[in-house]
Protein backbone atom coordinates (compact mmCIF):
# COMPACT_ATOMS: atom_id res chain seq x y z
CA MET A 1 26.92 -24.63 -22.55
CA LYS A 2 24.55 -27.01 -20.79
CA LEU A 3 24.54 -24.78 -17.70
CA ILE A 4 23.52 -21.74 -19.75
CA ALA A 5 20.69 -23.70 -21.36
CA ARG A 6 19.55 -24.90 -17.94
CA ILE A 7 19.52 -21.35 -16.59
CA LEU A 8 17.59 -20.07 -19.62
CA VAL A 9 15.01 -22.85 -19.26
CA ALA A 10 14.66 -22.03 -15.55
CA ILE A 11 14.13 -18.33 -16.31
CA ALA A 12 11.54 -19.17 -18.98
CA ALA A 13 9.75 -21.63 -16.68
CA ASN A 14 9.69 -19.09 -13.86
CA ALA A 15 8.40 -16.35 -16.17
CA ILE A 16 5.59 -18.59 -17.41
CA ALA A 17 4.78 -19.76 -13.88
CA LEU A 18 4.65 -16.20 -12.54
CA TRP A 19 2.46 -15.11 -15.45
CA VAL A 20 0.04 -18.02 -14.93
CA ALA A 21 -0.11 -17.31 -11.20
CA ALA A 22 -0.88 -13.65 -11.87
CA ALA A 23 -3.60 -14.63 -14.34
CA TYR A 24 -5.42 -17.15 -12.14
CA ILE A 25 -4.79 -16.27 -8.49
CA PRO A 26 -6.64 -13.31 -6.99
CA GLY A 27 -4.36 -11.21 -4.81
CA PHE A 28 -1.27 -12.05 -6.88
CA SER A 29 -0.56 -9.31 -9.39
CA LEU A 30 2.27 -8.82 -11.82
CA THR A 31 3.23 -6.00 -14.13
CA ASN A 32 2.15 -6.22 -17.76
CA ASP A 33 5.55 -5.12 -19.10
CA PRO A 34 7.36 -8.13 -20.67
CA LYS A 35 10.80 -6.71 -19.84
CA GLN A 36 9.81 -6.32 -16.20
CA LEU A 37 8.42 -9.87 -16.20
CA VAL A 38 11.74 -11.22 -17.48
CA LYS A 39 13.58 -9.18 -14.82
CA ILE A 40 11.35 -10.57 -12.08
CA ALA A 41 11.81 -14.12 -13.43
CA LEU A 42 15.58 -13.60 -13.48
CA ILE A 43 15.58 -12.42 -9.87
CA PHE A 44 13.34 -15.35 -8.90
CA THR A 45 15.70 -17.79 -10.63
CA LEU A 46 18.71 -16.29 -8.87
CA LEU A 47 16.93 -16.54 -5.52
CA ASN A 48 16.15 -20.18 -6.27
CA PHE A 49 19.78 -20.92 -7.17
CA ILE A 50 21.32 -19.01 -4.24
CA LEU A 51 18.83 -18.78 -1.36
CA LYS A 52 16.93 -22.06 -1.74
CA PRO A 53 19.89 -24.38 -0.93
CA ILE A 54 20.70 -22.31 2.15
CA LEU A 55 17.11 -22.45 3.39
CA LYS A 56 16.93 -26.18 2.70
CA LEU A 57 20.07 -26.70 4.76
CA VAL A 58 18.85 -24.59 7.67
CA LEU A 59 15.32 -26.00 7.63
CA GLY A 60 16.40 -29.57 6.82
CA PRO A 61 15.14 -31.15 10.04
CA MET A 62 11.74 -29.51 9.64
CA ILE A 63 11.56 -30.69 6.02
CA VAL A 64 12.32 -34.25 7.11
CA LEU A 65 9.82 -34.16 10.01
CA THR A 66 7.05 -32.91 7.72
CA LEU A 67 7.93 -35.50 5.06
CA GLY A 68 8.80 -32.84 2.50
CA LEU A 69 5.91 -30.47 3.10
CA GLY A 70 8.34 -28.00 4.65
CA LEU A 71 9.58 -27.34 1.12
CA VAL A 72 6.34 -25.45 0.53
CA LEU A 73 7.41 -23.05 3.30
CA VAL A 74 10.85 -22.69 1.72
CA ASN A 75 9.28 -21.86 -1.65
CA ALA A 76 6.78 -19.48 -0.02
CA GLY A 77 9.65 -17.73 1.75
CA ILE A 78 11.49 -17.24 -1.52
CA LEU A 79 8.34 -15.89 -3.17
CA TYR A 80 7.82 -13.54 -0.21
CA VAL A 81 11.39 -12.22 -0.54
CA LEU A 82 10.76 -11.72 -4.26
CA ASP A 83 7.63 -9.72 -3.42
CA LYS A 84 9.59 -7.49 -1.07
CA ILE A 85 12.50 -6.77 -3.44
CA SER A 86 10.56 -6.48 -6.70
CA ALA A 87 8.40 -3.49 -7.56
CA GLY A 88 6.49 -5.25 -10.35
CA LEU A 89 5.11 -8.05 -8.17
CA THR A 90 2.46 -7.66 -5.48
CA ILE A 91 1.16 -10.40 -3.21
CA GLN A 92 -1.74 -9.04 -1.19
CA ASN A 93 -2.46 -11.80 1.34
CA VAL A 94 -1.28 -15.13 2.71
CA PRO A 95 -3.71 -17.35 0.77
CA ALA A 96 -2.52 -15.75 -2.48
CA LEU A 97 1.07 -16.48 -1.41
CA ILE A 98 0.29 -20.14 -0.62
CA TYR A 99 -1.73 -20.72 -3.81
CA ALA A 100 0.94 -19.02 -5.93
CA THR A 101 3.64 -21.10 -4.26
CA LEU A 102 1.80 -24.33 -5.02
CA LEU A 103 1.03 -23.34 -8.62
CA ILE A 104 4.55 -22.09 -9.38
CA GLY A 105 6.03 -25.20 -7.78
CA ALA A 106 3.82 -27.47 -9.89
CA ILE A 107 4.66 -25.66 -13.12
CA ASN A 108 8.39 -25.72 -12.33
CA PHE A 109 8.15 -29.42 -11.50
CA VAL A 110 6.64 -30.16 -14.91
CA PHE A 111 9.20 -28.01 -16.73
CA HIS A 112 12.11 -29.68 -14.97
CA LEU A 113 10.70 -33.14 -15.75
CA VAL A 114 10.56 -32.21 -19.42
CA GLU A 115 14.06 -30.71 -19.24
CA LYS A 116 15.61 -33.92 -17.88
CA LYS A 117 14.25 -36.05 -20.74
């Protein structure tokens, strides 16, 4: 039961983070349909659960050499893959991708801090 709650919190956090990024970052646009937003957040959560550990393993030496800043590239890569496989999300340029990555990462960090308490 705890795993299901964790997954639901992750989906909600990702949905809120994607919505905030779409609201405040020019060049990052998201559909206005709530069902589509939940679908995109679900895909993003699945990519984080499946693809992120693989990328961390492959890019581990780079992450260590950059003192953790390589994780921004891992998160940007996942967001880029989400852009390519999702019709409701559009990232127009690289600065929008980087800013969205940083904002979504910060929001997820806060949500996961609250979840652990």
